[in-house]
Amino acid sequence: MSELYPLKFEPALKEKVWGGNALVASYNKRSAGSKLIGESWELSALSENQSIISNGFLAGNNIEEIIEVYMGDITGDSVFKKFGIEFPLLIKFIEAREDLSVQVHPDDVLARKRHHAYGKTEMWYILESDKSAIIYTGFRDGVTKEMYEQALKNGKLVDILNIETVEPGDTFFTPSGRVHAIGAGTLLVEIQQTSDITYRIFDWNRISTGKEIRELHTDLALDAIDFNETGNNKIRKEPELNATVNLVSCEFFYTGLIKFDSPIRKKYYEIDSFVVYICIEGKFIIRWEGNSEEVAKGETVLLPALIKEVVLEPVKEVRILEIYII
């Protein structure tokens, strides 16, 4: 019997000028005062934001420390061989009450060359959205580098961006190189490579400190942009009761959506990876090897790779995201 167990973490809440209060009000995040919370970092291995375990005998240790001790038993042997003690994914909840900056992320090659870090491919799963909410994702068809530079110079960048309407249940996959921005009135889950490298292209002339506009990275962004990343980018897949629906499958992560109202058995013998569950609706119990762990809406849980079989038992109808490395 394994001594390891499903691991919960202390969310790291990030105050943002564009944030709101829905994460605290509806997703069980605890915040002191009336701060505007834009992000809740659920699982992070970035050096200054190491996630801290909140349950069980490993409580108080950070993610890097437990991987250093348990290695592939936590992440999977193949994942540990590739990434070592660095957990390969960064998972967040994001609430945008205002438009976020238009930005782009470098790929692994460029990020390694410039920053000795990983690039960033990411996805968003929309939890809540206003009726008027939109996502800026990629360019309109036919946009060239020259057209982009001219639009940027003339303050017309938004005119050449592809714009998608947003509804709860939508998924957006954003590979490195695709220009993008989260629009106002959107609350989502973000799953990405472990990287915090962002090249900000346009920030709506927003004042961040009361006296200055946030730094832009237009020169760095130019080499990172993929001008072939254009057109429709919305993925719409409806959940199937008591089944897993694949949302995104790429070299960096797999994400599935599971909706269930009766116990389901999950077997992971064919993957060599940890599994992450994000509870986005309802409450459920993870049962394994005679043990159990309850997971509520808004909580994120890491299932160590050593645990290959679990039963997910709903307290009432549940929706969760399931993430692992293929």
C-alpha atoms as a PDB file:
ATOM      1  CA  MET A   1       0.000   0.000   0.000  1.00  0.00           C
ATOM      2  CA  SER A   2       1.346   3.417  -0.966  1.00  0.00           C
ATOM      3  CA  GLU A   3       1.972   6.016   1.741  1.00  0.00           C
ATOM      4  CA  LEU A   4       1.299   8.709  -0.835  1.00  0.00           C
ATOM      5  CA  TYR A   5      -2.163  10.178  -1.183  1.00  0.00           C
ATOM      6  CA  PRO A   6      -4.087  12.818  -3.205  1.00  0.00           C
ATOM      7  CA  LEU A   7      -2.412  16.136  -2.429  1.00  0.00           C
ATOM      8  CA  LYS A   8      -4.167  19.467  -1.907  1.00  0.00           C
ATOM      9  CA  PHE A   9      -2.380  22.812  -1.948  1.00  0.00           C
ATOM     10  CA  GLU A  10      -2.776  26.261  -0.467  1.00  0.00           C
ATOM     11  CA  PRO A  11      -3.994  28.584  -3.245  1.00  0.00           C
ATOM     12  CA  ALA A  12      -1.824  31.657  -3.813  1.00  0.00           C
ATOM     13  CA  LEU A  13      -4.159  34.588  -4.456  1.00  0.00           C
ATOM     14  CA  LYS A  14      -2.911  37.398  -6.684  1.00  0.00           C
ATOM     15  CA  GLU A  15      -4.398  40.867  -6.426  1.00  0.00           C
ATOM     16  CA  LYS A  16      -4.858  42.467  -9.856  1.00  0.00           C
ATOM     17  CA  VAL A  17      -6.195  45.819 -11.001  1.00  0.00           C
ATOM     18  CA  TRP A  18      -8.510  43.900 -13.348  1.00  0.00           C
ATOM     19  CA  GLY A  19      -9.621  41.311 -10.760  1.00  0.00           C
ATOM     20  CA  GLY A  20     -12.903  40.794  -8.900  1.00  0.00           C
ATOM     21  CA  ASN A  21     -14.483  38.886  -6.008  1.00  0.00           C
ATOM     22  CA  ALA A  22     -16.077  35.818  -7.639  1.00  0.00           C
ATOM     23  CA  LEU A  23     -13.211  33.464  -6.740  1.00  0.00           C
ATOM     24  CA  VAL A  24     -13.720  34.298  -3.077  1.00  0.00           C
ATOM     25  CA  ALA A  25     -17.520  34.317  -3.254  1.00  0.00           C
ATOM     26  CA  SER A  26     -18.108  31.216  -5.401  1.00  0.00           C
ATOM     27  CA  TYR A  27     -14.940  29.079  -5.483  1.00  0.00           C
ATOM     28  CA  ASN A  28     -13.988  28.852  -1.816  1.00  0.00           C
ATOM     29  CA  LYS A  29     -10.936  31.091  -1.939  1.00  0.00           C
ATOM     30  CA  ARG A  30     -10.115  32.978   1.264  1.00  0.00           C
ATOM     31  CA  SER A  31      -8.988  36.578   0.959  1.00  0.00           C
ATOM     32  CA  ALA A  32      -8.374  39.202   3.615  1.00  0.00           C
ATOM     33  CA  GLY A  33     -10.301  42.414   3.108  1.00  0.00           C
ATOM     34  CA  SER A  34     -11.892  43.588  -0.130  1.00  0.00           C
ATOM     35  CA  LYS A  35      -8.970  43.048  -2.464  1.00  0.00           C
ATOM     36  CA  LEU A  36      -9.618  42.477  -6.160  1.00  0.00           C
ATOM     37  CA  ILE A  37      -8.395  38.926  -6.802  1.00  0.00           C
ATOM     38  CA  GLY A  38      -7.446  38.297 -10.419  1.00  0.00           C
ATOM     39  CA  GLU A  39      -5.694  34.946 -10.076  1.00  0.00           C
ATOM     40  CA  SER A  40      -5.622  31.966  -7.755  1.00  0.00           C
ATOM     41  CA  TRP A  41      -2.486  29.927  -8.386  1.00  0.00           C
ATOM     42  CA  GLU A  42      -3.616  26.401  -7.627  1.00  0.00           C
ATOM     43  CA  LEU A  43      -0.505  24.409  -8.473  1.00  0.00           C
ATOM     44  CA  SER A  44       2.819  26.041  -9.243  1.00  0.00           C
ATOM     45  CA  ALA A  45       6.486  25.093  -9.285  1.00  0.00           C
ATOM     46  CA  LEU A  46       7.831  28.533 -10.204  1.00  0.00           C
ATOM     47  CA  SER A  47      10.699  29.414  -7.877  1.00  0.00           C
ATOM     48  CA  GLU A  48       8.986  32.308  -6.079  1.00  0.00           C
ATOM     49  CA  ASN A  49       5.557  30.655  -6.080  1.00  0.00           C
ATOM     50  CA  GLN A  50       6.101  27.074  -4.944  1.00  0.00           C
ATOM     51  CA  SER A  51       2.753  25.524  -4.028  1.00  0.00           C
ATOM     52  CA  ILE A  52       2.517  24.360  -0.397  1.00  0.00           C
ATOM     53  CA  ILE A  53       0.714  21.124   0.504  1.00  0.00           C
ATOM     54  CA  SER A  54      -2.253  21.707   2.815  1.00  0.00           C
ATOM     55  CA  ASN A  55      -3.410  18.179   3.727  1.00  0.00           C
ATOM     56  CA  GLY A  56      -2.005  14.990   5.237  1.00  0.00           C
ATOM     57  CA  PHE A  57       1.395  14.280   6.737  1.00  0.00           C
ATOM     58  CA  LEU A  58       3.211  16.138   3.946  1.00  0.00           C
ATOM     59  CA  ALA A  59       1.422  19.421   4.802  1.00  0.00           C
ATOM     60  CA  GLY A  60       3.811  22.359   4.898  1.00  0.00           C
ATOM     61  CA  ASN A  61       6.170  20.960   2.261  1.00  0.00           C
ATOM     62  CA  ASN A  62       6.282  22.547  -1.161  1.00  0.00           C
ATOM     63  CA  ILE A  63       5.837  20.768  -4.471  1.00  0.00           C
ATOM     64  CA  GLU A  64       9.553  20.757  -5.278  1.00  0.00           C
ATOM     65  CA  GLU A  65      10.502  19.255  -1.921  1.00  0.00           C
ATOM     66  CA  ILE A  66       8.156  16.288  -2.262  1.00  0.00           C
ATOM     67  CA  ILE A  67       9.226  15.581  -5.850  1.00  0.00           C
ATOM     68  CA  GLU A  68      12.858  15.641  -4.682  1.00  0.00           C
ATOM     69  CA  VAL A  69      12.018  12.912  -2.146  1.00  0.00           C
ATOM     70  CA  TYR A  70       9.483  10.791  -4.048  1.00  0.00           C
ATOM     71  CA  MET A  71      10.615  11.536  -7.630  1.00  0.00           C
ATOM     72  CA  GLY A  72       8.707   9.474 -10.209  1.00  0.00           C
ATOM     73  CA  ASP A  73       6.277   8.194  -7.586  1.00  0.00           C
ATOM     74  CA  ILE A  74       4.805  11.708  -7.652  1.00  0.00           C
ATOM     75  CA  THR A  75       5.190  12.778 -11.278  1.00  0.00           C
ATOM     76  CA  GLY A  76       5.694   9.499 -13.160  1.00  0.00           C
ATOM     77  CA  ASP A  77       9.108   8.127 -14.110  1.00  0.00           C
ATOM     78  CA  SER A  78       9.068   9.497 -17.664  1.00  0.00           C
ATOM     79  CA  VAL A  79       7.944  12.931 -16.463  1.00  0.00           C
ATOM     80  CA  PHE A  80      10.643  12.958 -13.770  1.00  0.00           C
ATOM     81  CA  LYS A  81      13.278  11.936 -16.306  1.00  0.00           C
ATOM     82  CA  LYS A  82      12.357  14.921 -18.488  1.00  0.00           C
ATOM     83  CA  PHE A  83      11.637  17.618 -15.881  1.00  0.00           C
ATOM     84  CA  GLY A  84      13.444  16.500 -12.742  1.00  0.00           C
ATOM     85  CA  ILE A  85      12.125  18.140  -9.575  1.00  0.00           C
ATOM     86  CA  GLU A  86      10.343  20.895 -11.512  1.00  0.00           C
ATOM     87  CA  PHE A  87       6.624  20.207 -11.795  1.00  0.00           C
ATOM     88  CA  PRO A  88       5.793  20.750 -15.500  1.00  0.00           C
ATOM     89  CA  LEU A  89       2.408  22.493 -15.252  1.00  0.00           C
ATOM     90  CA  LEU A  90       1.068  25.729 -13.790  1.00  0.00           C
ATOM     91  CA  ILE A  91      -2.654  25.776 -13.001  1.00  0.00           C
ATOM     92  CA  LYS A  92      -4.696  28.870 -12.151  1.00  0.00           C
ATOM     93  CA  PHE A  93      -8.184  30.244 -11.756  1.00  0.00           C
ATOM     94  CA  ILE A  94      -8.464  33.674 -13.414  1.00  0.00           C
ATOM     95  CA  GLU A  95     -11.203  36.271 -13.023  1.00  0.00           C
ATOM     96  CA  ALA A  96     -11.091  39.220 -15.428  1.00  0.00           C
ATOM     97  CA  ARG A  97     -13.474  42.072 -14.656  1.00  0.00           C
ATOM     98  CA  GLU A  98     -11.545  44.166 -17.182  1.00  0.00           C
ATOM     99  CA  ASP A  99      -9.722  43.230 -20.392  1.00  0.00           C
ATOM    100  CA  LEU A 100      -6.301  41.695 -19.786  1.00  0.00           C
ATOM    101  CA  SER A 101      -3.337  42.830 -21.832  1.00  0.00           C
ATOM    102  CA  VAL A 102      -2.853  41.657 -25.405  1.00  0.00           C
ATOM    103  CA  GLN A 103       0.174  39.375 -25.186  1.00  0.00           C
ATOM    104  CA  VAL A 104       2.107  36.470 -26.622  1.00  0.00           C
ATOM    105  CA  HIS A 105       4.331  33.745 -25.176  1.00  0.00           C
ATOM    106  CA  PRO A 106       7.549  32.350 -26.690  1.00  0.00           C
ATOM    107  CA  ASP A 107       8.007  28.680 -27.564  1.00  0.00           C
ATOM    108  CA  ASP A 108      10.504  26.434 -25.789  1.00  0.00           C
ATOM    109  CA  VAL A 109      13.340  27.198 -28.218  1.00  0.00           C
ATOM    110  CA  LEU A 110      13.074  30.990 -27.904  1.00  0.00           C
ATOM    111  CA  ALA A 111      12.401  30.906 -24.155  1.00  0.00           C
ATOM    112  CA  ARG A 112      15.418  28.686 -23.558  1.00  0.00           C
ATOM    113  CA  LYS A 113      17.632  30.965 -25.654  1.00  0.00           C
ATOM    114  CA  ARG A 114      16.497  34.196 -23.999  1.00  0.00           C
ATOM    115  CA  HIS A 115      15.470  33.194 -20.489  1.00  0.00           C
ATOM    116  CA  HIS A 116      16.836  29.682 -19.831  1.00  0.00           C
ATOM    117  CA  ALA A 117      13.226  28.676 -19.207  1.00  0.00           C
ATOM    118  CA  TYR A 118      10.320  26.829 -20.802  1.00  0.00           C
ATOM    119  CA  GLY A 119       7.987  28.493 -23.251  1.00  0.00           C
ATOM    120  CA  LYS A 120       4.274  28.661 -22.689  1.00  0.00           C
ATOM    121  CA  THR A 121       1.473  26.802 -24.394  1.00  0.00           C
ATOM    122  CA  GLU A 122      -1.793  27.112 -22.489  1.00  0.00           C
ATOM    123  CA  MET A 123      -5.526  26.468 -22.532  1.00  0.00           C
ATOM    124  CA  TRP A 124      -8.557  28.096 -20.954  1.00  0.00           C
ATOM    125  CA  TYR A 125     -11.779  26.459 -19.825  1.00  0.00           C
ATOM    126  CA  ILE A 126     -14.537  29.022 -19.323  1.00  0.00           C
ATOM    127  CA  LEU A 127     -16.440  28.704 -16.032  1.00  0.00           C
ATOM    128  CA  GLU A 128     -18.486  31.885 -16.048  1.00  0.00           C
ATOM    129  CA  SER A 129     -18.932  34.777 -18.457  1.00  0.00           C
ATOM    130  CA  ASP A 130     -21.007  37.907 -18.963  1.00  0.00           C
ATOM    131  CA  LYS A 131     -23.295  37.968 -21.998  1.00  0.00           C
ATOM    132  CA  SER A 132     -20.986  40.445 -23.723  1.00  0.00           C
ATOM    133  CA  ALA A 133     -17.736  38.641 -22.869  1.00  0.00           C
ATOM    134  CA  ILE A 134     -15.193  37.971 -25.610  1.00  0.00           C
ATOM    135  CA  ILE A 135     -11.766  36.416 -26.076  1.00  0.00           C
ATOM    136  CA  TYR A 136      -9.102  37.913 -28.341  1.00  0.00           C
ATOM    137  CA  THR A 137      -7.260  34.994 -29.913  1.00  0.00           C
ATOM    138  CA  GLY A 138      -4.928  35.059 -32.903  1.00  0.00           C
ATOM    139  CA  PHE A 139      -5.147  37.352 -35.887  1.00  0.00           C
ATOM    140  CA  ARG A 140      -7.826  37.720 -38.488  1.00  0.00           C
ATOM    141  CA  ASP A 141      -7.069  35.745 -41.634  1.00  0.00           C
ATOM    142  CA  GLY A 142      -4.531  37.378 -43.933  1.00  0.00           C
ATOM    143  CA  VAL A 143      -2.726  39.545 -41.376  1.00  0.00           C
ATOM    144  CA  THR A 144       0.985  39.923 -42.164  1.00  0.00           C
ATOM    145  CA  LYS A 145       3.919  41.076 -40.092  1.00  0.00           C
ATOM    146  CA  GLU A 146       3.852  44.403 -41.935  1.00  0.00           C
ATOM    147  CA  MET A 147       0.134  44.857 -41.251  1.00  0.00           C
ATOM    148  CA  TYR A 148       0.721  44.061 -37.581  1.00  0.00           C
ATOM    149  CA  GLU A 149       3.537  46.604 -37.227  1.00  0.00           C
ATOM    150  CA  GLN A 150       1.420  49.278 -38.914  1.00  0.00           C
ATOM    151  CA  ALA A 151      -1.603  48.546 -36.723  1.00  0.00           C
ATOM    152  CA  LEU A 152       0.553  48.658 -33.598  1.00  0.00           C
ATOM    153  CA  LYS A 153       2.035  52.005 -34.665  1.00  0.00           C
ATOM    154  CA  ASN A 154      -1.398  53.480 -35.349  1.00  0.00           C
ATOM    155  CA  GLY A 155      -3.029  52.174 -32.172  1.00  0.00           C
ATOM    156  CA  LYS A 156      -5.290  49.869 -34.231  1.00  0.00           C
ATOM    157  CA  LEU A 157      -4.074  46.484 -32.980  1.00  0.00           C
ATOM    158  CA  VAL A 158      -7.531  45.308 -31.898  1.00  0.00           C
ATOM    159  CA  ASP A 159      -8.815  45.819 -35.449  1.00  0.00           C
ATOM    160  CA  ILE A 160      -6.661  42.960 -36.757  1.00  0.00           C
ATOM    161  CA  LEU A 161      -7.311  40.475 -33.934  1.00  0.00           C
ATOM    162  CA  ASN A 162      -9.658  37.505 -34.177  1.00  0.00           C
ATOM    163  CA  ILE A 163     -12.477  37.924 -31.646  1.00  0.00           C
ATOM    164  CA  GLU A 164     -14.596  35.074 -30.242  1.00  0.00           C
ATOM    165  CA  THR A 165     -17.739  35.267 -28.137  1.00  0.00           C
ATOM    166  CA  VAL A 166     -17.579  33.393 -24.843  1.00  0.00           C
ATOM    167  CA  GLU A 167     -19.939  31.074 -23.004  1.00  0.00           C
ATOM    168  CA  PRO A 168     -19.426  28.797 -19.987  1.00  0.00           C
ATOM    169  CA  GLY A 169     -18.126  25.443 -21.194  1.00  0.00           C
ATOM    170  CA  ASP A 170     -16.027  26.897 -24.033  1.00  0.00           C
ATOM    171  CA  THR A 171     -12.385  25.865 -24.353  1.00  0.00           C
ATOM    172  CA  PHE A 172      -9.617  27.911 -25.980  1.00  0.00           C
ATOM    173  CA  PHE A 173      -6.237  26.361 -26.806  1.00  0.00           C
ATOM    174  CA  THR A 174      -3.406  28.880 -27.137  1.00  0.00           C
ATOM    175  CA  PRO A 175      -0.095  27.523 -28.392  1.00  0.00           C
ATOM    176  CA  SER A 176       3.035  29.604 -27.983  1.00  0.00           C
ATOM    177  CA  GLY A 177       3.168  32.290 -30.646  1.00  0.00           C
ATOM    178  CA  ARG A 178      -0.585  32.950 -30.743  1.00  0.00           C
ATOM    179  CA  VAL A 179      -1.446  36.531 -29.758  1.00  0.00           C
ATOM    180  CA  HIS A 180      -4.281  36.610 -27.223  1.00  0.00           C
ATOM    181  CA  ALA A 181      -6.110  38.405 -24.426  1.00  0.00           C
ATOM    182  CA  ILE A 182      -8.825  37.434 -21.956  1.00  0.00           C
ATOM    183  CA  GLY A 183     -11.773  39.795 -22.282  1.00  0.00           C
ATOM    184  CA  ALA A 184     -13.691  41.481 -19.465  1.00  0.00           C
ATOM    185  CA  GLY A 185     -16.416  39.533 -17.684  1.00  0.00           C
ATOM    186  CA  THR A 186     -14.734  36.130 -17.840  1.00  0.00           C
ATOM    187  CA  LEU A 187     -13.834  33.588 -15.158  1.00  0.00           C
ATOM    188  CA  LEU A 188     -11.805  30.574 -16.260  1.00  0.00           C
ATOM    189  CA  VAL A 189      -9.335  27.819 -15.458  1.00  0.00           C
ATOM    190  CA  GLU A 190      -5.919  28.187 -17.091  1.00  0.00           C
ATOM    191  CA  ILE A 191      -3.656  25.166 -17.630  1.00  0.00           C
ATOM    192  CA  GLN A 192      -0.182  25.899 -18.980  1.00  0.00           C
ATOM    193  CA  GLN A 193       3.435  24.917 -19.099  1.00  0.00           C
ATOM    194  CA  THR A 194       5.482  25.938 -16.077  1.00  0.00           C
ATOM    195  CA  SER A 195       6.536  29.342 -17.327  1.00  0.00           C
ATOM    196  CA  ASP A 196       5.853  32.942 -16.383  1.00  0.00           C
ATOM    197  CA  ILE A 197       7.253  34.504 -19.544  1.00  0.00           C
ATOM    198  CA  THR A 198       4.798  36.943 -21.074  1.00  0.00           C
ATOM    199  CA  TYR A 199       5.467  39.523 -23.748  1.00  0.00           C
ATOM    200  CA  ARG A 200       2.909  42.297 -23.273  1.00  0.00           C
ATOM    201  CA  ILE A 201       2.007  43.974 -26.563  1.00  0.00           C
ATOM    202  CA  PHE A 202      -0.848  46.310 -25.627  1.00  0.00           C
ATOM    203  CA  ASP A 203      -2.414  47.069 -22.228  1.00  0.00           C
ATOM    204  CA  TRP A 204      -5.275  49.396 -23.154  1.00  0.00           C
ATOM    205  CA  ASN A 205      -3.187  52.367 -21.902  1.00  0.00           C
ATOM    206  CA  ARG A 206      -4.058  51.232 -18.388  1.00  0.00           C
ATOM    207  CA  ILE A 207      -2.464  52.910 -15.392  1.00  0.00           C
ATOM    208  CA  SER A 208      -1.160  50.292 -12.964  1.00  0.00           C
ATOM    209  CA  THR A 209       0.437  52.242 -10.096  1.00  0.00           C
ATOM    210  CA  GLY A 210      -1.534  55.458 -10.326  1.00  0.00           C
ATOM    211  CA  LYS A 211       1.185  57.180 -12.320  1.00  0.00           C
ATOM    212  CA  GLU A 212       2.635  54.871 -14.942  1.00  0.00           C
ATOM    213  CA  ILE A 213       1.549  52.537 -17.722  1.00  0.00           C
ATOM    214  CA  ARG A 214       2.737  48.939 -17.463  1.00  0.00           C
ATOM    215  CA  GLU A 215       5.827  47.999 -19.442  1.00  0.00           C
ATOM    216  CA  LEU A 216       5.328  46.670 -22.965  1.00  0.00           C
ATOM    217  CA  HIS A 217       7.574  44.138 -24.722  1.00  0.00           C
ATOM    218  CA  THR A 218       6.833  44.831 -28.381  1.00  0.00           C
ATOM    219  CA  ASP A 219      10.376  44.185 -29.622  1.00  0.00           C
ATOM    220  CA  LEU A 220      10.675  40.858 -27.801  1.00  0.00           C
ATOM    221  CA  ALA A 221       7.168  39.892 -28.922  1.00  0.00           C
ATOM    222  CA  LEU A 222       7.880  40.366 -32.617  1.00  0.00           C
ATOM    223  CA  ASP A 223      10.147  37.312 -32.867  1.00  0.00           C
ATOM    224  CA  ALA A 224       7.752  35.224 -30.752  1.00  0.00           C
ATOM    225  CA  ILE A 225       4.581  35.866 -32.782  1.00  0.00           C
ATOM    226  CA  ASP A 226       3.360  33.207 -35.186  1.00  0.00           C
ATOM    227  CA  PHE A 227       1.465  35.080 -37.912  1.00  0.00           C
ATOM    228  CA  ASN A 228      -0.052  31.813 -39.104  1.00  0.00           C
ATOM    229  CA  GLU A 229      -2.038  31.582 -35.856  1.00  0.00           C
ATOM    230  CA  THR A 230      -5.287  33.022 -37.192  1.00  0.00           C
ATOM    231  CA  GLY A 231      -9.018  32.459 -37.224  1.00  0.00           C
ATOM    232  CA  ASN A 232     -11.463  30.532 -35.074  1.00  0.00           C
ATOM    233  CA  ASN A 233     -10.039  29.022 -31.916  1.00  0.00           C
ATOM    234  CA  LYS A 234     -13.091  28.019 -29.878  1.00  0.00           C
ATOM    235  CA  ILE A 235     -13.533  24.372 -28.867  1.00  0.00           C
ATOM    236  CA  ARG A 236     -17.054  23.455 -27.817  1.00  0.00           C
ATOM    237  CA  LYS A 237     -17.595  19.975 -26.421  1.00  0.00           C
ATOM    238  CA  GLU A 238     -20.605  19.148 -24.292  1.00  0.00           C
ATOM    239  CA  PRO A 239     -20.098  16.917 -21.234  1.00  0.00           C
ATOM    240  CA  GLU A 240     -21.401  13.351 -21.262  1.00  0.00           C
ATOM    241  CA  LEU A 241     -22.844  12.085 -17.996  1.00  0.00           C
ATOM    242  CA  ASN A 242     -20.545   9.593 -16.222  1.00  0.00           C
ATOM    243  CA  ALA A 243     -17.991   9.727 -19.023  1.00  0.00           C
ATOM    244  CA  THR A 244     -14.771  11.590 -19.874  1.00  0.00           C
ATOM    245  CA  VAL A 245     -14.745  14.030 -22.795  1.00  0.00           C
ATOM    246  CA  ASN A 246     -11.367  15.056 -24.224  1.00  0.00           C
ATOM    247  CA  LEU A 247     -10.987  18.843 -24.461  1.00  0.00           C
ATOM    248  CA  VAL A 248      -7.304  19.271 -25.359  1.00  0.00           C
ATOM    249  CA  SER A 249      -4.540  16.791 -26.130  1.00  0.00           C
ATOM    250  CA  CYS A 250      -1.070  18.152 -26.945  1.00  0.00           C
ATOM    251  CA  GLU A 251       2.568  17.377 -26.225  1.00  0.00           C
ATOM    252  CA  PHE A 252       2.463  19.417 -23.017  1.00  0.00           C
ATOM    253  CA  PHE A 253      -0.755  18.189 -21.389  1.00  0.00           C
ATOM    254  CA  TYR A 254      -4.017  16.311 -21.803  1.00  0.00           C
ATOM    255  CA  THR A 255      -7.234  17.773 -20.373  1.00  0.00           C
ATOM    256  CA  GLY A 256     -10.551  15.980 -20.067  1.00  0.00           C
ATOM    257  CA  LEU A 257     -13.944  17.017 -18.714  1.00  0.00           C
ATOM    258  CA  ILE A 258     -15.813  14.578 -16.465  1.00  0.00           C
ATOM    259  CA  LYS A 259     -19.448  15.052 -15.404  1.00  0.00           C
ATOM    260  CA  PHE A 260     -20.802  12.402 -13.056  1.00  0.00           C
ATOM    261  CA  ASP A 261     -23.675  11.705 -10.669  1.00  0.00           C
ATOM    262  CA  SER A 262     -22.714   8.137  -9.716  1.00  0.00           C
ATOM    263  CA  PRO A 263     -19.354   6.587  -8.736  1.00  0.00           C
ATOM    264  CA  ILE A 264     -16.861   6.114 -11.552  1.00  0.00           C
ATOM    265  CA  ARG A 265     -13.654   4.086 -11.491  1.00  0.00           C
ATOM    266  CA  LYS A 266     -10.569   5.620 -13.082  1.00  0.00           C
ATOM    267  CA  LYS A 267      -7.570   3.467 -14.013  1.00  0.00           C
ATOM    268  CA  TYR A 268      -4.227   5.021 -14.956  1.00  0.00           C
ATOM    269  CA  TYR A 269      -2.074   1.975 -15.619  1.00  0.00           C
ATOM    270  CA  GLU A 270      -1.439   3.014 -19.219  1.00  0.00           C
ATOM    271  CA  ILE A 271      -0.034   6.472 -18.452  1.00  0.00           C
ATOM    272  CA  ASP A 272       3.216   7.295 -16.680  1.00  0.00           C
ATOM    273  CA  SER A 273       2.109  10.583 -15.162  1.00  0.00           C
ATOM    274  CA  PHE A 274       0.546  12.324 -12.194  1.00  0.00           C
ATOM    275  CA  VAL A 275      -3.131  13.275 -12.568  1.00  0.00           C
ATOM    276  CA  VAL A 276      -4.648  16.597 -11.503  1.00  0.00           C
ATOM    277  CA  TYR A 277      -8.342  17.006 -10.697  1.00  0.00           C
ATOM    278  CA  ILE A 278      -9.927  20.469 -10.600  1.00  0.00           C
ATOM    279  CA  CYS A 279     -13.422  20.524  -9.113  1.00  0.00           C
ATOM    280  CA  ILE A 280     -15.460  23.133 -10.978  1.00  0.00           C
ATOM    281  CA  GLU A 281     -18.931  22.153  -9.790  1.00  0.00           C
ATOM    282  CA  GLY A 282     -20.283  20.127  -6.866  1.00  0.00           C
ATOM    283  CA  LYS A 283     -18.318  17.975  -4.426  1.00  0.00           C
ATOM    284  CA  PHE A 284     -16.852  14.460  -4.631  1.00  0.00           C
ATOM    285  CA  ILE A 285     -14.800  11.913  -2.727  1.00  0.00           C
ATOM    286  CA  ILE A 286     -11.648  10.224  -4.026  1.00  0.00           C
ATOM    287  CA  ARG A 287     -11.408   6.642  -2.748  1.00  0.00           C
ATOM    288  CA  TRP A 288      -8.200   4.587  -3.062  1.00  0.00           C
ATOM    289  CA  GLU A 289      -6.677   1.642  -1.214  1.00  0.00           C
ATOM    290  CA  GLY A 290      -9.234   1.904   1.601  1.00  0.00           C
ATOM    291  CA  ASN A 291      -8.683   5.651   2.043  1.00  0.00           C
ATOM    292  CA  SER A 292     -10.706   8.711   1.050  1.00  0.00           C
ATOM    293  CA  GLU A 293     -10.312  12.448   0.424  1.00  0.00           C
ATOM    294  CA  GLU A 294     -13.177  14.894  -0.089  1.00  0.00           C
ATOM    295  CA  VAL A 295     -12.818  17.547  -2.797  1.00  0.00           C
ATOM    296  CA  ALA A 296     -15.050  20.631  -2.960  1.00  0.00           C
ATOM    297  CA  LYS A 297     -15.804  23.148  -5.698  1.00  0.00           C
ATOM    298  CA  GLY A 298     -12.761  25.309  -6.379  1.00  0.00           C
ATOM    299  CA  GLU A 299     -10.236  22.781  -5.053  1.00  0.00           C
ATOM    300  CA  THR A 300      -7.355  21.296  -7.040  1.00  0.00           C
ATOM    301  CA  VAL A 301      -5.895  17.883  -6.178  1.00  0.00           C
ATOM    302  CA  LEU A 302      -2.729  16.159  -7.379  1.00  0.00           C
ATOM    303  CA  LEU A 303      -2.984  12.368  -7.631  1.00  0.00           C
ATOM    304  CA  PRO A 304       0.550  10.920  -7.415  1.00  0.00           C
ATOM    305  CA  ALA A 305       1.570   8.709 -10.343  1.00  0.00           C
ATOM    306  CA  LEU A 306       2.068   5.787  -7.942  1.00  0.00           C
ATOM    307  CA  ILE A 307      -1.708   5.614  -7.359  1.00  0.00           C
ATOM    308  CA  LYS A 308      -3.041   3.877 -10.458  1.00  0.00           C
ATOM    309  CA  GLU A 309      -6.678   3.286  -9.576  1.00  0.00           C
ATOM    310  CA  VAL A 310      -9.283   5.422  -7.807  1.00  0.00           C
ATOM    311  CA  VAL A 311     -13.047   5.652  -7.459  1.00  0.00           C
ATOM    312  CA  LEU A 312     -14.582   9.110  -7.783  1.00  0.00           C
ATOM    313  CA  GLU A 313     -17.784   9.245  -5.771  1.00  0.00           C
ATOM    314  CA  PRO A 314     -20.086  12.274  -6.155  1.00  0.00           C
ATOM    315  CA  VAL A 315     -21.744  13.887  -3.163  1.00  0.00           C
ATOM    316  CA  LYS A 316     -24.056  15.377  -5.780  1.00  0.00           C
ATOM    317  CA  GLU A 317     -23.639  15.943  -9.528  1.00  0.00           C
ATOM    318  CA  VAL A 318     -20.057  16.965 -10.192  1.00  0.00           C
ATOM    319  CA  ARG A 319     -17.965  18.455 -12.980  1.00  0.00           C
ATOM    320  CA  ILE A 320     -14.190  18.174 -12.856  1.00  0.00           C
ATOM    321  CA  LEU A 321     -11.242  18.740 -15.154  1.00  0.00           C
ATOM    322  CA  GLU A 322      -8.738  15.888 -15.410  1.00  0.00           C
ATOM    323  CA  ILE A 323      -5.171  16.757 -16.463  1.00  0.00           C
ATOM    324  CA  TYR A 324      -2.079  14.658 -17.052  1.00  0.00           C
ATOM    325  CA  ILE A 325       0.977  14.321 -19.294  1.00  0.00           C
ATOM    326  CA  ILE A 326       0.639  11.914 -22.209  1.00  0.00           C
END
